N, C-alpha and C. Protein backbone atom coordinates (compact mmCIF):
# COMPACT_ATOMS: atom_id res chain seq x y z
N UNK A 1 0.79 -1.46 0.05
CA UNK A 1 -0.47 0.15 -0.06
C UNK A 1 0.51 0.94 -0.02
N UNK A 2 0.38 2.09 -0.82
CA UNK A 2 1.30 3.49 -0.84
C UNK A 2 0.95 4.70 0.50
N UNK A 3 1.82 4.89 1.24
CA UNK A 3 1.61 5.72 2.09
C UNK A 3 2.11 7.16 1.54
N UNK A 4 1.37 8.04 2.43
CA UNK A 4 1.30 9.43 1.94
C UNK A 4 2.76 10.39 1.70
N UNK A 5 3.79 9.92 2.43
CA UNK A 5 5.20 10.18 1.85
C UNK A 5 5.74 9.40 0.51
N UNK A 6 5.41 8.61 0.17
CA UNK A 6 6.01 7.77 -1.13
C UNK A 6 5.15 8.42 -1.90
N UNK A 7 3.96 8.96 -1.75
CA UNK A 7 3.05 9.79 -2.46
C UNK A 7 3.09 11.00 -2.96
N UNK A 8 3.94 11.86 -1.77
CA UNK A 8 4.30 12.91 -2.18
C UNK A 8 5.81 13.09 -2.52
N UNK A 9 6.34 12.23 -2.59
CA UNK A 9 8.08 12.33 -2.93
C UNK A 9 7.76 11.64 -4.39
N UNK A 10 6.82 10.92 -4.64
CA UNK A 10 6.71 10.74 -6.50
C UNK A 10 6.08 11.76 -7.17
N UNK A 11 4.83 12.67 -6.50
CA UNK A 11 4.38 13.84 -7.04
C UNK A 11 5.68 15.05 -7.19
N UNK A 12 6.18 15.17 -6.19
CA UNK A 12 7.50 16.01 -6.32
C UNK A 12 8.12 15.67 -7.76
N UNK A 13 8.44 14.68 -7.31
CA UNK A 13 9.61 14.32 -8.24
C UNK A 13 9.10 14.76 -9.58
N UNK A 14 8.24 14.23 -9.84
CA UNK A 14 6.82 14.06 -11.11
C UNK A 14 6.95 15.66 -11.52
N UNK A 15 6.60 16.80 -10.63
CA UNK A 15 6.76 18.05 -11.11
C UNK A 15 8.14 18.48 -11.21
N UNK A 16 9.27 18.22 -10.27
CA UNK A 16 10.56 18.39 -10.66
C UNK A 16 10.83 18.03 -12.31
N UNK A 17 10.26 16.99 -12.60
CA UNK A 17 10.45 16.73 -14.10
C UNK A 17 9.84 17.40 -15.16
N UNK A 18 8.88 17.36 -14.58
CA UNK A 18 8.10 18.68 -15.71
C UNK A 18 8.36 19.64 -15.73
N UNK A 19 8.79 20.41 -14.71
CA UNK A 19 9.35 21.78 -14.41
C UNK A 19 10.83 22.38 -15.43
N UNK A 20 11.60 21.14 -15.79
CA UNK A 20 12.53 21.06 -16.57
C UNK A 20 12.33 21.29 -18.02
N UNK A 21 10.95 21.89 -18.49
CA UNK A 21 10.98 21.97 -19.86
C UNK A 21 11.91 23.19 -20.69
N UNK A 22 12.36 23.65 -19.95
CA UNK A 22 13.66 24.48 -21.20
C UNK A 22 14.77 23.40 -21.33
N UNK A 23 14.98 22.18 -20.88
CA UNK A 23 16.15 21.36 -21.81
C UNK A 23 15.53 20.52 -22.69
N UNK A 24 16.15 20.53 -23.61
CA UNK A 24 15.39 19.47 -25.10
C UNK A 24 15.17 18.75 -24.92
N UNK A 25 16.25 17.94 -24.12
CA UNK A 25 15.91 16.44 -23.43
C UNK A 25 14.72 15.93 -23.22
N UNK A 26 14.50 16.78 -22.41
CA UNK A 26 13.35 16.75 -21.01
C UNK A 26 12.01 17.80 -21.85
N UNK A 27 11.90 17.94 -22.60
CA UNK A 27 10.44 19.00 -23.08
C UNK A 27 9.42 17.68 -22.66
N UNK A 28 8.47 18.72 -22.22
CA UNK A 28 6.87 17.70 -21.96
C UNK A 28 6.29 18.72 -22.29
N UNK A 29 5.16 18.43 -23.62
CA UNK A 29 3.93 19.43 -24.11
C UNK A 29 3.08 19.09 -22.91
N UNK A 30 1.83 20.17 -22.99
CA UNK A 30 1.17 20.60 -22.11
C UNK A 30 -0.01 19.32 -22.20
N UNK A 31 0.01 18.84 -23.64
CA UNK A 31 -0.97 17.18 -23.41
C UNK A 31 -0.70 16.12 -22.96
N UNK A 32 0.93 16.18 -22.55
CA UNK A 32 1.26 15.06 -22.22
C UNK A 32 1.49 15.36 -20.53
N UNK A 33 1.56 16.44 -20.27
CA UNK A 33 1.58 16.95 -18.69
C UNK A 33 -0.22 16.41 -18.24
N UNK A 34 -1.06 16.58 -19.36
CA UNK A 34 -2.18 16.45 -18.84
C UNK A 34 -2.77 15.07 -18.87
N UNK A 35 -2.07 14.34 -19.93
CA UNK A 35 -1.70 12.90 -19.56
C UNK A 35 -1.34 12.45 -18.38
N UNK A 36 -0.20 12.63 -18.09
CA UNK A 36 0.01 11.97 -16.75
C UNK A 36 -1.23 12.72 -15.86
N UNK A 37 -1.46 13.64 -15.80
CA UNK A 37 -2.70 13.55 -14.21
C UNK A 37 -3.29 13.36 -14.55
N UNK A 38 -3.80 12.92 -15.42
CA UNK A 38 -5.16 11.81 -15.67
C UNK A 38 -5.16 10.45 -15.59
N UNK A 39 -3.79 10.33 -15.63
CA UNK A 39 -3.50 8.93 -15.40
C UNK A 39 -3.18 8.33 -13.42
N UNK A 40 -2.60 9.48 -13.12
CA UNK A 40 -2.37 9.52 -11.52
C UNK A 40 -3.40 9.93 -11.04
N UNK A 41 -4.53 10.32 -11.27
CA UNK A 41 -6.05 10.45 -11.04
C UNK A 41 -6.60 9.06 -10.99
N UNK A 42 -6.60 8.65 -12.30
CA UNK A 42 -6.99 7.16 -12.47
C UNK A 42 -6.37 6.01 -11.52
N UNK A 43 -5.32 6.39 -11.61
CA UNK A 43 -4.21 5.18 -10.74
C UNK A 43 -4.88 5.67 -9.19
N UNK A 44 -5.02 6.77 -8.78
CA UNK A 44 -5.05 6.40 -6.87
C UNK A 44 -6.64 6.32 -6.78
N UNK A 45 -7.37 6.91 -8.16
CA UNK A 45 -8.36 6.79 -7.31
C UNK A 45 -9.39 5.69 -7.88
N UNK A 46 -8.47 4.71 -8.46
CA UNK A 46 -9.15 3.44 -8.64
C UNK A 46 -9.79 3.10 -9.79
N UNK A 47 -10.19 1.77 -10.18
CA UNK A 47 -10.72 1.54 -11.33
C UNK A 47 -12.05 0.51 -10.86
N UNK A 48 -12.14 0.52 -9.43
CA UNK A 48 -13.35 -0.15 -8.73
C UNK A 48 -14.76 -0.08 -9.07
N UNK A 49 -15.47 -1.20 -9.43
CA UNK A 49 -16.62 -0.93 -9.87
C UNK A 49 -17.16 -0.57 -8.70
N UNK A 50 -18.68 0.54 -8.19
CA UNK A 50 -19.05 0.82 -7.20
C UNK A 50 -19.57 -0.76 -6.81
N UNK A 51 -19.81 -1.32 -5.34
CA UNK A 51 -20.30 -2.46 -5.20
C UNK A 51 -21.76 -2.01 -3.98
N UNK A 52 -23.29 -2.47 -4.50
CA UNK A 52 -24.35 -1.72 -4.22
C UNK A 52 -24.75 -3.44 -3.80
N UNK A 53 -25.62 -3.77 -2.33
CA UNK A 53 -26.35 -4.88 -2.46
C UNK A 53 -27.08 -5.23 -3.35
N UNK A 54 -27.86 -4.44 -4.25
CA UNK A 54 -29.12 -4.73 -5.24
C UNK A 54 -28.36 -5.45 -6.06
N UNK A 55 -27.36 -5.29 -6.22
CA UNK A 55 -26.08 -5.86 -7.24
C UNK A 55 -26.44 -7.21 -7.92
N UNK A 56 -26.66 -8.01 -5.99
CA UNK A 56 -26.49 -9.53 -6.19
C UNK A 56 -27.62 -10.08 -6.41
N UNK A 57 -27.78 -12.15 -6.69
CA UNK A 57 -28.95 -12.48 -6.53
C UNK A 57 -29.52 -13.11 -5.21
N UNK A 58 -28.93 -12.91 -4.35
CA UNK A 58 -29.36 -13.73 -3.18
C UNK A 58 -29.03 -12.96 -1.96
N UNK A 59 -29.69 -12.44 -1.04
CA UNK A 59 -29.60 -11.79 0.35
C UNK A 59 -28.54 -12.57 1.11
N UNK A 60 -27.82 -11.44 1.62
CA UNK A 60 -26.08 -12.13 1.87
C UNK A 60 -27.30 -12.33 3.70
N UNK A 61 -26.27 -13.78 3.97
CA UNK A 61 -26.79 -14.17 5.49
C UNK A 61 -25.08 -14.00 6.35
N UNK A 62 -24.87 -13.17 6.66
CA UNK A 62 -23.16 -12.64 7.78
C UNK A 62 -22.92 -13.94 8.52
N UNK A 63 -23.55 -14.41 9.11
CA UNK A 63 -23.46 -15.18 10.15
C UNK A 63 -23.16 -16.80 9.11
N UNK A 64 -23.99 -16.97 8.32
CA UNK A 64 -23.77 -18.31 7.49
C UNK A 64 -22.48 -18.25 7.02
N UNK A 65 -22.22 -17.00 6.25
CA UNK A 65 -20.94 -16.71 5.42
C UNK A 65 -19.77 -17.17 6.46
N UNK A 66 -19.69 -16.76 7.76
CA UNK A 66 -18.39 -16.64 8.77
C UNK A 66 -18.19 -18.15 9.49
N UNK A 67 -19.47 -18.55 9.53
CA UNK A 67 -19.35 -20.09 9.70
C UNK A 67 -18.83 -20.79 8.71
N UNK A 68 -19.19 -20.69 7.58
CA UNK A 68 -18.85 -21.66 6.25
C UNK A 68 -17.39 -20.87 6.14
N UNK A 69 -16.93 -20.23 6.27
CA UNK A 69 -15.28 -19.67 6.05
C UNK A 69 -14.56 -20.43 7.15
N UNK A 70 -14.96 -20.18 8.23
CA UNK A 70 -14.02 -20.76 9.42
C UNK A 70 -14.17 -22.28 9.05
N UNK A 71 -15.09 -23.32 9.00
CA UNK A 71 -14.93 -24.29 8.45
C UNK A 71 -14.09 -25.00 7.50
N UNK A 72 -14.25 -23.86 6.30
CA UNK A 72 -13.65 -23.90 5.16
C UNK A 72 -11.75 -23.96 5.20
N UNK A 73 -11.58 -22.75 6.39
CA UNK A 73 -10.42 -23.06 7.46
C UNK A 73 -9.86 -24.18 7.27
N UNK A 74 -10.80 -24.65 8.81
CA UNK A 74 -10.64 -25.84 8.93
C UNK A 74 -9.93 -27.13 7.95
N UNK A 75 -11.28 -26.99 6.92
CA UNK A 75 -10.90 -28.26 5.60
C UNK A 75 -9.59 -28.09 4.93
N UNK A 76 -9.22 -26.83 5.09
CA UNK A 76 -8.30 -26.28 4.31
C UNK A 76 -7.40 -26.53 4.76
N UNK A 77 -6.86 -26.27 5.97
CA UNK A 77 -5.70 -26.76 6.75
C UNK A 77 -5.73 -28.69 7.18
N UNK A 78 -6.66 -29.25 7.21
CA UNK A 78 -6.36 -30.77 6.94
C UNK A 78 -6.34 -31.03 5.84
N UNK A 79 -6.75 -30.48 4.80
CA UNK A 79 -6.50 -31.29 3.27
C UNK A 79 -5.25 -30.57 3.15
N UNK A 80 -4.78 -30.37 3.31
CA UNK A 80 -2.95 -29.22 2.67
C UNK A 80 -2.00 -30.56 3.60
N UNK A 81 -2.77 -30.59 4.65
CA UNK A 81 -1.94 -31.78 5.91
C UNK A 81 -1.97 -32.67 5.13
N UNK A 82 -2.69 -33.52 4.97
CA UNK A 82 -3.04 -35.07 4.84
C UNK A 82 -2.46 -34.60 3.17
N UNK A 83 -2.51 -33.66 2.04
CA UNK A 83 -2.01 -33.74 1.16
C UNK A 83 -0.80 -33.69 1.08
N UNK A 84 -0.08 -33.03 1.97
CA UNK A 84 1.70 -32.83 1.86
C UNK A 84 1.81 -34.18 2.23
N UNK A 85 1.66 -35.13 3.42
CA UNK A 85 1.96 -36.14 3.67
C UNK A 85 1.52 -37.52 2.79
N UNK A 86 0.64 -37.66 1.98
CA UNK A 86 0.64 -37.98 1.17
C UNK A 86 1.75 -37.92 -0.40
N UNK A 87 2.11 -36.94 -0.55
CA UNK A 87 2.82 -36.64 -0.95
C UNK A 87 4.16 -36.77 -0.90
N UNK A 88 4.94 -36.98 0.29
CA UNK A 88 6.22 -37.13 0.99
C UNK A 88 6.04 -38.60 1.11
N UNK A 89 4.60 -39.22 1.22
CA UNK A 89 4.56 -40.78 1.39
C UNK A 89 4.53 -41.41 0.14
N UNK A 90 4.56 -40.69 -0.73
CA UNK A 90 3.79 -41.91 -2.08
C UNK A 90 4.94 -42.73 -2.75
N UNK A 91 4.36 -43.76 -3.29
CA UNK A 91 5.40 -44.59 -3.94
C UNK A 91 6.18 -44.29 -5.46
N UNK A 92 5.29 -42.84 -5.66
CA UNK A 92 5.88 -42.50 -7.11
C UNK A 92 6.69 -40.98 -6.62
N UNK A 93 7.13 -40.60 -8.03
CA UNK A 93 7.94 -38.93 -7.64
C UNK A 93 6.29 -38.14 -8.25
N UNK A 94 6.03 -37.23 -7.18
CA UNK A 94 4.57 -36.56 -7.25
C UNK A 94 5.03 -35.33 -8.71
N UNK A 95 4.22 -35.43 -9.26
CA UNK A 95 3.84 -34.29 -10.86
C UNK A 95 3.93 -33.08 -10.08
N UNK A 96 4.24 -32.14 -10.98
CA UNK A 96 3.81 -30.70 -10.71
C UNK A 96 2.55 -30.47 -10.57
N UNK A 97 1.55 -31.16 -11.54
CA UNK A 97 0.69 -30.67 -10.63
C UNK A 97 -0.18 -31.42 -9.50
N UNK A 98 0.35 -32.02 -8.91
CA UNK A 98 0.38 -32.68 -7.55
C UNK A 98 0.66 -31.30 -6.68
N UNK A 99 1.81 -30.95 -6.95
CA UNK A 99 2.87 -29.67 -6.03
C UNK A 99 2.13 -28.49 -6.07
N UNK A 100 1.07 -28.36 -7.20
CA UNK A 100 1.09 -26.85 -7.05
C UNK A 100 -0.72 -27.57 -6.67
N UNK A 101 -0.87 -28.52 -6.63
CA UNK A 101 -2.41 -29.01 -5.93
C UNK A 101 -2.06 -28.07 -4.52
N UNK A 102 -0.81 -28.68 -3.83
CA UNK A 102 -0.55 -28.41 -2.51
C UNK A 102 -0.54 -26.56 -2.51
N UNK A 103 0.27 -26.20 -3.70
CA UNK A 103 0.27 -24.87 -3.60
C UNK A 103 -1.08 -23.90 -3.17
N UNK A 104 -1.83 -24.46 -3.94
CA UNK A 104 -3.10 -23.97 -4.10
C UNK A 104 -4.08 -24.37 -2.46
N UNK A 105 -3.96 -25.53 -2.28
CA UNK A 105 -4.19 -25.70 -1.17
C UNK A 105 -4.01 -24.66 0.49
N UNK A 106 -2.72 -24.57 0.26
CA UNK A 106 -1.74 -23.65 1.32
C UNK A 106 -2.57 -21.91 1.01
N UNK A 107 -3.09 -21.66 -0.29
CA UNK A 107 -3.52 -20.42 -0.65
C UNK A 107 -5.17 -20.40 -0.22
N UNK A 108 -5.53 -21.28 -0.17
CA UNK A 108 -6.89 -21.42 0.14
C UNK A 108 -6.95 -21.19 1.72
N UNK A 109 -5.90 -22.03 2.27
CA UNK A 109 -5.60 -22.08 3.51
C UNK A 109 -5.46 -20.57 4.44
N UNK A 110 -4.93 -19.90 3.83
CA UNK A 110 -4.59 -18.67 3.92
C UNK A 110 -5.77 -17.66 3.62
N UNK A 111 -6.26 -17.73 2.54
CA UNK A 111 -7.41 -16.57 1.96
C UNK A 111 -8.61 -17.07 2.38
N UNK A 112 -8.87 -17.62 2.48
CA UNK A 112 -10.55 -17.90 3.00
C UNK A 112 -10.70 -17.64 4.16
N UNK A 113 -9.94 -17.20 5.85
CA UNK A 113 -9.91 -16.83 6.43
C UNK A 113 -10.38 -15.48 6.25
N UNK A 114 -9.70 -14.80 5.30
CA UNK A 114 -9.70 -13.19 5.25
C UNK A 114 -11.18 -13.21 5.08
N UNK A 115 -12.19 -13.94 4.38
CA UNK A 115 -13.41 -13.79 4.22
C UNK A 115 -14.28 -13.40 5.32
N UNK A 116 -14.16 -14.21 6.55
CA UNK A 116 -14.95 -13.99 7.72
C UNK A 116 -13.95 -12.62 7.91
N UNK A 117 -12.88 -12.48 8.18
CA UNK A 117 -12.71 -11.25 9.02
C UNK A 117 -12.66 -10.25 8.50
N UNK A 118 -13.00 -10.25 7.50
CA UNK A 118 -13.74 -8.85 6.69
C UNK A 118 -15.29 -8.46 6.80
N UNK A 119 -16.12 -9.59 6.62
CA UNK A 119 -17.46 -9.77 7.41
C UNK A 119 -17.42 -9.25 8.96
N UNK A 120 -16.72 -9.99 9.64
CA UNK A 120 -17.23 -9.26 10.93
C UNK A 120 -16.24 -8.36 11.30
N UNK A 121 -15.04 -7.60 10.44
CA UNK A 121 -14.46 -6.09 10.14
C UNK A 121 -15.56 -4.76 10.34
N UNK A 122 -16.20 -5.50 9.57
CA UNK A 122 -17.25 -4.41 8.36
C UNK A 122 -18.93 -4.74 8.55
N UNK A 123 -19.71 -5.03 9.66
CA UNK A 123 -20.90 -5.45 9.92
C UNK A 123 -21.42 -4.56 9.40
N UNK A 124 -21.68 -3.78 8.85
CA UNK A 124 -22.61 -2.36 8.36
C UNK A 124 -22.41 -2.84 6.15
N UNK A 125 -21.81 -3.18 5.91
CA UNK A 125 -21.61 -3.35 4.38
C UNK A 125 -20.76 -4.71 4.36
N UNK A 126 -21.06 -6.16 4.84
CA UNK A 126 -20.28 -7.44 4.94
C UNK A 126 -19.85 -8.02 3.43
N UNK A 127 -20.76 -8.14 2.58
CA UNK A 127 -20.73 -8.51 1.10
C UNK A 127 -19.71 -7.77 0.59
N UNK A 128 -19.90 -6.75 0.29
CA UNK A 128 -19.05 -5.26 -0.17
C UNK A 128 -17.34 -5.32 0.04
N UNK A 129 -17.20 -5.40 1.92
CA UNK A 129 -16.44 -5.52 2.13
C UNK A 129 -15.49 -6.78 2.03
N UNK A 130 -15.85 -8.08 1.85
CA UNK A 130 -15.41 -9.39 2.01
C UNK A 130 -15.47 -9.89 0.30
N UNK A 131 -15.99 -8.73 -0.08
CA UNK A 131 -16.13 -9.24 -2.08
C UNK A 131 -14.58 -9.45 -2.33
N UNK A 132 -13.76 -8.87 -1.98
CA UNK A 132 -12.28 -8.46 -2.69
C UNK A 132 -11.83 -10.07 -2.02
N UNK A 133 -11.97 -10.45 -0.84
CA UNK A 133 -11.27 -11.63 -0.54
C UNK A 133 -11.71 -12.74 -0.96
N UNK A 134 -13.13 -12.57 -1.24
CA UNK A 134 -13.55 -13.74 -1.97
C UNK A 134 -13.47 -14.43 -3.41
N UNK A 135 -12.83 -13.01 -4.02
CA UNK A 135 -12.60 -13.02 -5.47
C UNK A 135 -11.09 -14.17 -5.73
N UNK A 136 -10.60 -13.70 -4.46
CA UNK A 136 -9.39 -14.29 -4.33
C UNK A 136 -9.35 -15.74 -4.33
N UNK A 137 -10.04 -16.13 -3.37
CA UNK A 137 -10.71 -17.67 -2.76
C UNK A 137 -11.44 -17.97 -4.21
N UNK A 138 -12.40 -17.80 -4.87
CA UNK A 138 -12.74 -18.25 -5.99
C UNK A 138 -11.76 -18.56 -7.23
N UNK A 139 -10.90 -17.48 -7.21
CA UNK A 139 -9.36 -18.00 -7.80
C UNK A 139 -8.73 -19.26 -7.73
N UNK A 140 -8.48 -19.44 -6.52
CA UNK A 140 -7.35 -20.23 -6.33
C UNK A 140 -8.66 -21.62 -6.14
N UNK A 141 -9.44 -21.20 -5.84
CA UNK A 141 -10.61 -22.71 -6.21
C UNK A 141 -10.68 -23.26 -7.47
N UNK A 142 -10.72 -22.38 -8.21
CA UNK A 142 -10.52 -22.23 -9.73
C UNK A 142 -9.31 -23.42 -10.38
N UNK A 143 -7.94 -22.77 -9.77
CA UNK A 143 -7.27 -22.87 -10.14
C UNK A 143 -6.74 -24.76 -9.27
N UNK A 144 -7.33 -24.54 -8.32
CA UNK A 144 -7.19 -26.10 -7.33
C UNK A 144 -7.78 -27.12 -7.95
N UNK A 145 -9.06 -26.80 -8.69
CA UNK A 145 -9.89 -27.79 -9.24
C UNK A 145 -9.14 -28.08 -10.64
N UNK A 146 -8.50 -27.11 -11.24
CA UNK A 146 -7.81 -27.79 -12.90
C UNK A 146 -6.57 -28.80 -12.28
N UNK A 147 -6.05 -28.46 -11.10
CA UNK A 147 -4.88 -29.05 -10.48
C UNK A 147 -5.09 -30.15 -10.22
N UNK A 148 -5.92 -30.47 -9.54
CA UNK A 148 -6.20 -31.56 -8.69
C UNK A 148 -6.70 -32.66 -9.47
N UNK A 149 -5.91 -33.86 -9.07
CA UNK A 149 -6.26 -35.27 -9.48
C UNK A 149 -6.23 -36.20 -8.68
N UNK A 150 -7.29 -36.78 -8.20
CA UNK A 150 -7.67 -37.74 -6.96
C UNK A 150 -6.77 -38.80 -7.17
N UNK A 151 -6.14 -39.43 -8.20
CA UNK A 151 -5.59 -40.81 -8.25
C UNK A 151 -4.32 -40.45 -7.15
N UNK A 152 -3.65 -39.40 -7.06
CA UNK A 152 -2.45 -38.67 -6.87
C UNK A 152 -2.54 -38.71 -5.25
N UNK A 153 -4.24 -38.70 -4.68
CA UNK A 153 -3.94 -39.05 -3.15
C UNK A 153 -4.59 -40.17 -2.67
N UNK A 154 -4.68 -40.34 -0.97
CA UNK A 154 -5.04 -41.62 -0.63
C UNK A 154 -6.76 -40.88 -0.94
N UNK A 155 -8.00 -42.23 -0.22
CA UNK A 155 -9.16 -41.93 -0.54
C UNK A 155 -9.55 -40.91 0.41
N UNK A 156 -8.48 -40.91 1.70
CA UNK A 156 -9.62 -40.15 2.59
C UNK A 156 -9.07 -38.52 2.19
N UNK A 157 -7.74 -38.43 1.67
CA UNK A 157 -7.04 -36.87 1.68
C UNK A 157 -8.33 -36.27 0.65
N UNK A 158 -8.58 -37.28 -0.47
CA UNK A 158 -9.59 -36.73 -1.84
C UNK A 158 -10.78 -36.64 -1.08
N UNK A 159 -11.51 -36.76 0.16
CA UNK A 159 -12.62 -36.66 0.82
C UNK A 159 -12.21 -35.33 1.34
N UNK A 160 -11.11 -35.01 1.90
CA UNK A 160 -11.18 -33.62 2.80
C UNK A 160 -10.79 -32.64 1.67
N UNK A 161 -10.43 -32.81 0.54
CA UNK A 161 -9.81 -31.57 -0.41
C UNK A 161 -11.66 -31.76 -1.22
N UNK A 162 -12.28 -32.56 -1.38
CA UNK A 162 -13.91 -32.30 -2.00
C UNK A 162 -14.90 -31.58 -0.76
N UNK A 163 -14.29 -31.98 0.35
CA UNK A 163 -15.29 -31.46 1.67
C UNK A 163 -14.84 -29.78 1.49
N UNK A 164 -13.71 -29.65 1.17
CA UNK A 164 -13.39 -27.81 1.03
C UNK A 164 -14.07 -27.58 -0.19
N UNK A 165 -13.74 -28.13 -1.20
CA UNK A 165 -14.24 -27.70 -2.35
C UNK A 165 -15.59 -27.43 -2.00
N UNK A 166 -16.62 -28.01 -1.74
CA UNK A 166 -18.09 -28.33 -1.15
C UNK A 166 -18.49 -27.35 -0.52
N UNK A 167 -17.75 -27.03 0.44
CA UNK A 167 -17.73 -25.84 1.25
C UNK A 167 -17.63 -24.47 0.46
N UNK A 168 -16.77 -24.34 -0.20
CA UNK A 168 -16.54 -23.20 -1.00
C UNK A 168 -17.38 -23.16 -1.98
N UNK A 169 -18.15 -23.97 -2.69
CA UNK A 169 -19.30 -23.72 -3.83
C UNK A 169 -20.50 -23.61 -2.83
N UNK A 170 -20.41 -23.54 -1.55
CA UNK A 170 -21.60 -22.93 -0.62
C UNK A 170 -22.00 -21.68 -0.55
N UNK A 171 -20.56 -21.09 -0.61
CA UNK A 171 -20.07 -19.77 -0.02
C UNK A 171 -20.78 -18.77 -1.84
N UNK A 172 -20.43 -19.62 -2.56
CA UNK A 172 -19.98 -18.87 -3.73
C UNK A 172 -21.33 -18.07 -4.40
N UNK A 173 -22.93 -18.74 -4.02
CA UNK A 173 -23.65 -17.97 -4.45
C UNK A 173 -24.27 -16.45 -3.62
N UNK A 174 -23.69 -16.55 -2.65
CA UNK A 174 -24.24 -15.28 -2.20
C UNK A 174 -23.15 -13.73 -2.66
N UNK A 175 -21.96 -14.03 -3.56
CA UNK A 175 -21.06 -13.59 -4.51
C UNK A 175 -21.91 -13.29 -5.76
N UNK A 176 -22.75 -14.23 -5.78
CA UNK A 176 -22.92 -14.16 -7.88
C UNK A 176 -23.85 -12.56 -7.99
N UNK A 177 -23.58 -12.29 -9.01
CA UNK A 177 -23.99 -10.50 -9.05
C UNK A 177 -24.92 -11.17 -10.07
N UNK A 178 -26.25 -10.55 -10.12
CA UNK A 178 -27.64 -10.46 -11.23
C UNK A 178 -27.11 -10.12 -12.49
N UNK A 179 -27.61 -11.18 -13.15
CA UNK A 179 -27.60 -11.35 -14.80
C UNK A 179 -27.94 -10.07 -15.50
N UNK A 180 -27.11 -8.96 -16.15
CA UNK A 180 -28.12 -8.26 -16.43
C UNK A 180 -29.21 -8.09 -17.78
N UNK A 181 -30.04 -7.33 -17.43
CA UNK A 181 -30.60 -7.51 -18.87
C UNK A 181 -30.94 -6.79 -20.09
N UNK A 182 -30.80 -8.03 -21.15
CA UNK A 182 -30.81 -7.46 -22.23
C UNK A 182 -31.75 -6.88 -22.83
N UNK A 183 -32.02 -5.42 -23.66
CA UNK A 183 -33.41 -5.24 -23.96
C UNK A 183 -33.31 -5.19 -25.65
């Protein structure tokens, strides 16, 4: 995250650079100055789409999301532990996909708790505040599904990973957006 000192230092250096218009090599037109200023405004303002509760398909149930998030954390921790154990004790050399499965299990374990944290931290707007955390979890879940091969793990570990994926699928409908009406 950029802090105020780094932003002010950057703006000072930019101003110094733009003030050197007398030097032929560093000459900057007013059009370029406006372009830099507009880029800076867009950069600092961000391009985030506004989040409104009416844009989502179903009402948000904060206690249920917190509970599912905590259960997902426990399931991810358990699945990661036993997946690592299975790959260490396997009779074959783990493939790259198997190691990547472990990486995404670790990322899910780390990120899924942030959903509950954001919901609890911002009770006035729990869905909008936890949407970015959910988006990261949804991406990691998608990557896990692409790389996960049940044959590489024991059946008990497969059940743990499937339980985690089912818990994440239960969270998903609360963050789905309404379909736009096409006229």
